[in-house]
Amino acid sequence: MDPKQDELKGDAAPAEAAPAKAAPAEAGKDEDRRSVTEIRHDIQRTRGELDRTVDALGKKLQPSRVAWEARRRVEPELREAGRAITRQAKRNPGAFLAAGAALVGLLLARKARGKKNEKPFPREQKGV
């Protein structure tokens, strides 16, 4: 952390008392002393950690798991909506039946209009 920020917070001693950081050339000396075997071991360890991270992400992002999680979150709200619709239908069954009949009529009209606008598949041209 920046010594000036420490002074502003009042958390640390003045900047003069802060320990000096090692020069970049000195910091690399410890790394230079590692053997090739130690470096290879570190690379293998890092690869293993990366493999585990990628595997965990793959499991977490599987479509079946994502779908299950979405269902788990939405299902209680859908159940409550179903209960609310049932309560309303019991209170006023005539309005509920009229709304259902209107919905069925709209669906049938849409289906009939779709068949009227359908065109047969074009015939394949031979020899082209």
N, C-alpha and C. Protein backbone atom coordinates (compact mmCIF):
# COMPACT_ATOMS: atom_id res chain seq x y z
N MET A 1 0.85 -1.17 0.00
CA MET A 1 0.00 0.00 0.00
C MET A 1 0.89 1.22 0.00
N ASP A 2 0.45 2.29 -0.56
CA ASP A 2 1.19 3.54 -0.66
C ASP A 2 1.34 4.15 0.72
N PRO A 3 2.57 4.54 1.15
CA PRO A 3 2.77 5.13 2.47
C PRO A 3 1.96 6.41 2.66
N LYS A 4 1.76 7.17 1.60
CA LYS A 4 0.98 8.41 1.74
C LYS A 4 -0.47 8.09 2.09
N GLN A 5 -1.03 7.00 1.53
CA GLN A 5 -2.39 6.60 1.87
C GLN A 5 -2.47 6.16 3.32
N ASP A 6 -1.40 5.49 3.82
CA ASP A 6 -1.36 5.09 5.22
C ASP A 6 -1.38 6.32 6.13
N GLU A 7 -0.64 7.34 5.75
CA GLU A 7 -0.61 8.57 6.55
C GLU A 7 -1.99 9.20 6.59
N LEU A 8 -2.69 9.23 5.44
CA LEU A 8 -4.01 9.84 5.40
C LEU A 8 -5.00 9.07 6.26
N LYS A 9 -4.88 7.76 6.29
CA LYS A 9 -5.78 6.95 7.10
C LYS A 9 -5.40 6.99 8.57
N GLY A 10 -4.13 7.25 8.83
CA GLY A 10 -3.66 7.23 10.21
C GLY A 10 -3.41 5.82 10.71
N ASP A 11 -3.31 4.86 9.81
CA ASP A 11 -3.14 3.47 10.20
C ASP A 11 -1.68 3.08 10.43
N ALA A 12 -0.77 3.77 9.83
CA ALA A 12 0.62 3.34 9.88
C ALA A 12 1.53 4.50 10.26
N ALA A 13 2.78 4.16 10.44
CA ALA A 13 3.79 5.16 10.79
C ALA A 13 4.08 6.03 9.58
N PRO A 14 4.75 7.17 9.75
CA PRO A 14 5.10 8.04 8.63
C PRO A 14 5.91 7.30 7.57
N ALA A 15 5.96 7.88 6.40
CA ALA A 15 6.61 7.25 5.25
C ALA A 15 8.08 6.96 5.51
N GLU A 16 8.73 7.76 6.33
CA GLU A 16 10.16 7.54 6.56
C GLU A 16 10.41 6.21 7.26
N ALA A 17 9.44 5.72 8.06
CA ALA A 17 9.64 4.50 8.81
C ALA A 17 9.30 3.26 7.98
N ALA A 18 8.76 3.44 6.80
CA ALA A 18 8.39 2.30 5.96
C ALA A 18 9.64 1.56 5.51
N PRO A 19 9.63 0.24 5.52
CA PRO A 19 10.81 -0.51 5.08
C PRO A 19 11.04 -0.33 3.58
N ALA A 20 12.30 -0.32 3.22
CA ALA A 20 12.65 -0.14 1.80
C ALA A 20 12.39 -1.45 1.06
N LYS A 21 11.88 -1.33 -0.14
CA LYS A 21 11.63 -2.50 -0.97
C LYS A 21 12.93 -2.92 -1.64
N ALA A 22 13.03 -4.21 -1.92
CA ALA A 22 14.22 -4.72 -2.60
C ALA A 22 14.22 -4.24 -4.04
N ALA A 23 15.38 -3.97 -4.56
CA ALA A 23 15.51 -3.54 -5.95
C ALA A 23 15.11 -4.70 -6.85
N PRO A 24 14.59 -4.41 -8.05
CA PRO A 24 14.17 -5.49 -8.95
C PRO A 24 15.26 -6.52 -9.23
N ALA A 25 16.48 -6.07 -9.34
CA ALA A 25 17.58 -7.00 -9.63
C ALA A 25 17.79 -7.96 -8.47
N GLU A 26 17.63 -7.46 -7.22
CA GLU A 26 17.81 -8.31 -6.06
C GLU A 26 16.63 -9.27 -5.89
N ALA A 27 15.43 -8.82 -6.24
CA ALA A 27 14.24 -9.65 -6.07
C ALA A 27 14.32 -10.90 -6.94
N GLY A 28 14.91 -10.83 -8.09
CA GLY A 28 14.99 -11.96 -8.99
C GLY A 28 16.05 -12.98 -8.62
N LYS A 29 16.93 -12.65 -7.67
CA LYS A 29 18.01 -13.57 -7.32
C LYS A 29 17.49 -14.86 -6.71
N ASP A 30 16.43 -14.77 -5.88
CA ASP A 30 15.88 -15.98 -5.29
C ASP A 30 15.31 -16.90 -6.36
N GLU A 31 14.66 -16.32 -7.36
CA GLU A 31 14.10 -17.11 -8.45
C GLU A 31 15.21 -17.74 -9.28
N ASP A 32 16.34 -17.02 -9.44
CA ASP A 32 17.45 -17.54 -10.23
C ASP A 32 18.10 -18.74 -9.55
N ARG A 33 17.95 -18.86 -8.26
CA ARG A 33 18.59 -19.94 -7.52
C ARG A 33 17.78 -21.23 -7.58
N ARG A 34 16.56 -21.18 -8.09
CA ARG A 34 15.76 -22.39 -8.18
C ARG A 34 16.33 -23.30 -9.25
N SER A 35 16.26 -24.58 -9.01
CA SER A 35 16.77 -25.54 -9.99
C SER A 35 15.73 -25.75 -11.09
N VAL A 36 16.18 -26.34 -12.17
CA VAL A 36 15.29 -26.66 -13.28
C VAL A 36 14.20 -27.59 -12.79
N THR A 37 14.53 -28.52 -11.92
CA THR A 37 13.55 -29.46 -11.37
C THR A 37 12.48 -28.72 -10.58
N GLU A 38 12.89 -27.74 -9.77
CA GLU A 38 11.92 -26.96 -8.99
C GLU A 38 11.00 -26.15 -9.90
N ILE A 39 11.57 -25.59 -10.93
CA ILE A 39 10.77 -24.81 -11.88
C ILE A 39 9.77 -25.71 -12.58
N ARG A 40 10.23 -26.90 -13.01
CA ARG A 40 9.33 -27.84 -13.67
C ARG A 40 8.21 -28.28 -12.71
N HIS A 41 8.56 -28.49 -11.45
CA HIS A 41 7.56 -28.86 -10.45
C HIS A 41 6.53 -27.75 -10.29
N ASP A 42 6.98 -26.51 -10.24
CA ASP A 42 6.06 -25.36 -10.13
C ASP A 42 5.14 -25.29 -11.35
N ILE A 43 5.68 -25.54 -12.53
CA ILE A 43 4.87 -25.52 -13.76
C ILE A 43 3.82 -26.62 -13.71
N GLN A 44 4.22 -27.83 -13.29
CA GLN A 44 3.27 -28.93 -13.20
C GLN A 44 2.17 -28.62 -12.18
N ARG A 45 2.56 -28.04 -11.04
CA ARG A 45 1.58 -27.69 -10.00
C ARG A 45 0.60 -26.64 -10.54
N THR A 46 1.11 -25.64 -11.24
CA THR A 46 0.26 -24.60 -11.81
C THR A 46 -0.68 -25.18 -12.86
N ARG A 47 -0.16 -26.09 -13.70
CA ARG A 47 -1.02 -26.74 -14.70
C ARG A 47 -2.12 -27.55 -14.03
N GLY A 48 -1.79 -28.24 -12.95
CA GLY A 48 -2.79 -29.01 -12.21
C GLY A 48 -3.88 -28.11 -11.65
N GLU A 49 -3.48 -26.98 -11.07
CA GLU A 49 -4.45 -26.02 -10.54
C GLU A 49 -5.34 -25.48 -11.66
N LEU A 50 -4.73 -25.18 -12.79
CA LEU A 50 -5.48 -24.67 -13.93
C LEU A 50 -6.47 -25.73 -14.44
N ASP A 51 -6.03 -26.99 -14.52
CA ASP A 51 -6.92 -28.08 -14.95
C ASP A 51 -8.12 -28.20 -14.02
N ARG A 52 -7.87 -28.14 -12.71
CA ARG A 52 -8.97 -28.24 -11.75
C ARG A 52 -9.93 -27.06 -11.88
N THR A 53 -9.40 -25.87 -12.12
CA THR A 53 -10.25 -24.69 -12.29
C THR A 53 -11.11 -24.80 -13.54
N VAL A 54 -10.51 -25.23 -14.64
CA VAL A 54 -11.25 -25.39 -15.89
C VAL A 54 -12.32 -26.47 -15.74
N ASP A 55 -12.00 -27.58 -15.07
CA ASP A 55 -12.98 -28.64 -14.85
C ASP A 55 -14.15 -28.13 -14.00
N ALA A 56 -13.83 -27.37 -12.96
CA ALA A 56 -14.90 -26.83 -12.10
C ALA A 56 -15.79 -25.88 -12.88
N LEU A 57 -15.19 -25.04 -13.71
CA LEU A 57 -15.99 -24.12 -14.53
C LEU A 57 -16.84 -24.89 -15.53
N GLY A 58 -16.28 -25.93 -16.13
CA GLY A 58 -17.03 -26.75 -17.08
C GLY A 58 -18.24 -27.39 -16.43
N LYS A 59 -18.07 -27.92 -15.21
CA LYS A 59 -19.20 -28.54 -14.51
C LYS A 59 -20.25 -27.50 -14.16
N LYS A 60 -19.78 -26.33 -13.73
CA LYS A 60 -20.71 -25.29 -13.32
C LYS A 60 -21.52 -24.74 -14.49
N LEU A 61 -20.94 -24.75 -15.68
CA LEU A 61 -21.60 -24.17 -16.85
C LEU A 61 -22.24 -25.20 -17.77
N GLN A 62 -22.37 -26.45 -17.33
CA GLN A 62 -23.06 -27.45 -18.14
C GLN A 62 -24.50 -27.02 -18.35
N PRO A 63 -25.01 -27.14 -19.59
CA PRO A 63 -26.39 -26.72 -19.84
C PRO A 63 -27.41 -27.36 -18.91
N SER A 64 -27.24 -28.64 -18.59
CA SER A 64 -28.20 -29.30 -17.70
C SER A 64 -28.16 -28.69 -16.30
N ARG A 65 -26.97 -28.33 -15.85
CA ARG A 65 -26.85 -27.71 -14.52
C ARG A 65 -27.42 -26.30 -14.52
N VAL A 66 -27.16 -25.54 -15.58
CA VAL A 66 -27.70 -24.19 -15.68
C VAL A 66 -29.22 -24.24 -15.72
N ALA A 67 -29.78 -25.19 -16.48
CA ALA A 67 -31.24 -25.35 -16.56
C ALA A 67 -31.80 -25.74 -15.19
N TRP A 68 -31.14 -26.65 -14.50
CA TRP A 68 -31.59 -27.07 -13.18
C TRP A 68 -31.60 -25.89 -12.22
N GLU A 69 -30.55 -25.09 -12.25
CA GLU A 69 -30.45 -23.92 -11.36
C GLU A 69 -31.55 -22.91 -11.67
N ALA A 70 -31.82 -22.68 -12.95
CA ALA A 70 -32.88 -21.74 -13.34
C ALA A 70 -34.24 -22.27 -12.86
N ARG A 71 -34.45 -23.55 -13.03
CA ARG A 71 -35.72 -24.16 -12.59
C ARG A 71 -35.86 -24.03 -11.08
N ARG A 72 -34.80 -24.27 -10.36
CA ARG A 72 -34.84 -24.19 -8.90
C ARG A 72 -35.22 -22.78 -8.44
N ARG A 73 -34.75 -21.78 -9.16
CA ARG A 73 -35.05 -20.39 -8.78
C ARG A 73 -36.45 -19.95 -9.18
N VAL A 74 -36.96 -20.45 -10.32
CA VAL A 74 -38.23 -19.98 -10.87
C VAL A 74 -39.42 -20.78 -10.36
N GLU A 75 -39.21 -22.05 -10.06
CA GLU A 75 -40.31 -22.94 -9.72
C GLU A 75 -41.20 -22.42 -8.58
N PRO A 76 -40.65 -21.93 -7.47
CA PRO A 76 -41.52 -21.42 -6.40
C PRO A 76 -42.41 -20.26 -6.86
N GLU A 77 -41.88 -19.38 -7.69
CA GLU A 77 -42.68 -18.26 -8.18
C GLU A 77 -43.79 -18.75 -9.11
N LEU A 78 -43.51 -19.75 -9.94
CA LEU A 78 -44.53 -20.31 -10.82
C LEU A 78 -45.64 -21.01 -10.02
N ARG A 79 -45.24 -21.69 -8.98
CA ARG A 79 -46.25 -22.34 -8.13
C ARG A 79 -47.17 -21.30 -7.49
N GLU A 80 -46.58 -20.23 -7.00
CA GLU A 80 -47.39 -19.17 -6.38
C GLU A 80 -48.30 -18.52 -7.41
N ALA A 81 -47.83 -18.31 -8.62
CA ALA A 81 -48.68 -17.74 -9.68
C ALA A 81 -49.84 -18.69 -9.99
N GLY A 82 -49.58 -19.99 -10.03
CA GLY A 82 -50.63 -20.98 -10.26
C GLY A 82 -51.67 -20.95 -9.16
N ARG A 83 -51.20 -20.82 -7.91
CA ARG A 83 -52.15 -20.74 -6.79
C ARG A 83 -53.01 -19.48 -6.89
N ALA A 84 -52.39 -18.36 -7.28
CA ALA A 84 -53.14 -17.11 -7.42
C ALA A 84 -54.20 -17.23 -8.52
N ILE A 85 -53.85 -17.85 -9.63
CA ILE A 85 -54.82 -18.04 -10.73
C ILE A 85 -55.95 -18.95 -10.26
N THR A 86 -55.63 -20.00 -9.53
CA THR A 86 -56.66 -20.91 -9.02
C THR A 86 -57.61 -20.18 -8.07
N ARG A 87 -57.06 -19.35 -7.19
CA ARG A 87 -57.91 -18.58 -6.26
C ARG A 87 -58.86 -17.66 -7.03
N GLN A 88 -58.32 -16.98 -8.05
CA GLN A 88 -59.15 -16.07 -8.85
C GLN A 88 -60.22 -16.85 -9.61
N ALA A 89 -59.88 -18.01 -10.14
CA ALA A 89 -60.85 -18.82 -10.88
C ALA A 89 -61.97 -19.29 -9.96
N LYS A 90 -61.64 -19.63 -8.72
CA LYS A 90 -62.66 -20.07 -7.78
C LYS A 90 -63.58 -18.91 -7.38
N ARG A 91 -63.02 -17.70 -7.29
CA ARG A 91 -63.82 -16.53 -6.90
C ARG A 91 -64.77 -16.11 -8.03
N ASN A 92 -64.31 -16.23 -9.27
CA ASN A 92 -65.11 -15.76 -10.39
C ASN A 92 -64.97 -16.73 -11.56
N PRO A 93 -65.65 -17.86 -11.51
CA PRO A 93 -65.46 -18.88 -12.54
C PRO A 93 -65.96 -18.44 -13.92
N GLY A 94 -66.97 -17.61 -13.98
CA GLY A 94 -67.49 -17.16 -15.27
C GLY A 94 -66.46 -16.36 -16.05
N ALA A 95 -65.78 -15.45 -15.40
CA ALA A 95 -64.76 -14.64 -16.06
C ALA A 95 -63.59 -15.52 -16.49
N PHE A 96 -63.26 -16.47 -15.66
CA PHE A 96 -62.15 -17.37 -15.99
C PHE A 96 -62.49 -18.21 -17.23
N LEU A 97 -63.72 -18.72 -17.30
CA LEU A 97 -64.13 -19.51 -18.46
C LEU A 97 -64.18 -18.64 -19.72
N ALA A 98 -64.64 -17.40 -19.58
CA ALA A 98 -64.69 -16.49 -20.74
C ALA A 98 -63.28 -16.19 -21.25
N ALA A 99 -62.35 -15.95 -20.33
CA ALA A 99 -60.96 -15.68 -20.74
C ALA A 99 -60.36 -16.91 -21.42
N GLY A 100 -60.64 -18.10 -20.89
CA GLY A 100 -60.13 -19.33 -21.51
C GLY A 100 -60.71 -19.54 -22.90
N ALA A 101 -62.00 -19.27 -23.04
CA ALA A 101 -62.64 -19.43 -24.36
C ALA A 101 -62.06 -18.44 -25.36
N ALA A 102 -61.81 -17.22 -24.92
CA ALA A 102 -61.22 -16.21 -25.81
C ALA A 102 -59.82 -16.64 -26.24
N LEU A 103 -59.05 -17.17 -25.32
CA LEU A 103 -57.69 -17.63 -25.65
C LEU A 103 -57.74 -18.77 -26.66
N VAL A 104 -58.63 -19.72 -26.46
CA VAL A 104 -58.76 -20.85 -27.39
C VAL A 104 -59.18 -20.32 -28.76
N GLY A 105 -60.11 -19.36 -28.80
CA GLY A 105 -60.53 -18.78 -30.07
C GLY A 105 -59.40 -18.10 -30.80
N LEU A 106 -58.58 -17.35 -30.06
CA LEU A 106 -57.43 -16.69 -30.69
C LEU A 106 -56.45 -17.70 -31.27
N LEU A 107 -56.20 -18.76 -30.52
CA LEU A 107 -55.26 -19.79 -31.00
C LEU A 107 -55.80 -20.49 -32.25
N LEU A 108 -57.08 -20.80 -32.25
CA LEU A 108 -57.66 -21.44 -33.42
C LEU A 108 -57.65 -20.52 -34.64
N ALA A 109 -57.94 -19.23 -34.43
CA ALA A 109 -57.91 -18.27 -35.54
C ALA A 109 -56.50 -18.14 -36.09
N ARG A 110 -55.53 -18.13 -35.21
CA ARG A 110 -54.14 -18.02 -35.67
C ARG A 110 -53.73 -19.25 -36.48
N LYS A 111 -54.15 -20.41 -36.00
CA LYS A 111 -53.82 -21.65 -36.71
C LYS A 111 -54.49 -21.68 -38.09
N ALA A 112 -55.74 -21.26 -38.16
CA ALA A 112 -56.46 -21.25 -39.44
C ALA A 112 -55.82 -20.24 -40.41
N ARG A 113 -55.42 -19.09 -39.92
CA ARG A 113 -54.78 -18.09 -40.77
C ARG A 113 -53.43 -18.59 -41.27
N GLY A 114 -52.71 -19.31 -40.42
CA GLY A 114 -51.40 -19.84 -40.81
C GLY A 114 -51.51 -20.85 -41.92
N LYS A 115 -52.53 -21.69 -41.90
CA LYS A 115 -52.70 -22.69 -42.95
C LYS A 115 -53.08 -22.03 -44.27
N LYS A 116 -53.84 -20.96 -44.20
CA LYS A 116 -54.26 -20.27 -45.42
C LYS A 116 -53.06 -19.61 -46.10
N ASN A 117 -52.09 -19.13 -45.33
CA ASN A 117 -50.93 -18.43 -45.88
C ASN A 117 -49.78 -19.37 -46.25
N GLU A 118 -49.90 -20.66 -45.92
CA GLU A 118 -48.82 -21.59 -46.23
C GLU A 118 -48.71 -21.78 -47.74
N LYS A 119 -47.50 -21.86 -48.20
CA LYS A 119 -47.24 -22.14 -49.61
C LYS A 119 -46.57 -23.49 -49.70
N PRO A 120 -46.89 -24.26 -50.71
CA PRO A 120 -46.23 -25.56 -50.85
C PRO A 120 -44.74 -25.35 -51.16
N PHE A 121 -43.96 -26.38 -50.90
CA PHE A 121 -42.54 -26.29 -51.19
C PHE A 121 -42.34 -26.11 -52.69
N PRO A 122 -41.40 -25.26 -53.10
CA PRO A 122 -41.14 -25.11 -54.55
C PRO A 122 -40.59 -26.41 -55.11
N ARG A 123 -40.97 -26.68 -56.34
CA ARG A 123 -40.48 -27.90 -56.98
C ARG A 123 -39.01 -27.74 -57.33
N GLU A 124 -38.31 -28.82 -57.16
CA GLU A 124 -36.88 -28.78 -57.51
C GLU A 124 -36.72 -28.69 -59.02
N GLN A 125 -35.79 -27.87 -59.44
CA GLN A 125 -35.53 -27.75 -60.86
C GLN A 125 -34.56 -28.82 -61.28
N LYS A 126 -34.89 -29.52 -62.36
CA LYS A 126 -34.02 -30.61 -62.82
C LYS A 126 -33.05 -30.08 -63.86
N GLY A 127 -31.83 -30.57 -63.77
CA GLY A 127 -30.83 -30.25 -64.81
C GLY A 127 -30.21 -28.86 -64.65
N VAL A 128 -30.40 -28.21 -63.55
CA VAL A 128 -29.83 -26.88 -63.38
C VAL A 128 -28.58 -26.96 -62.57
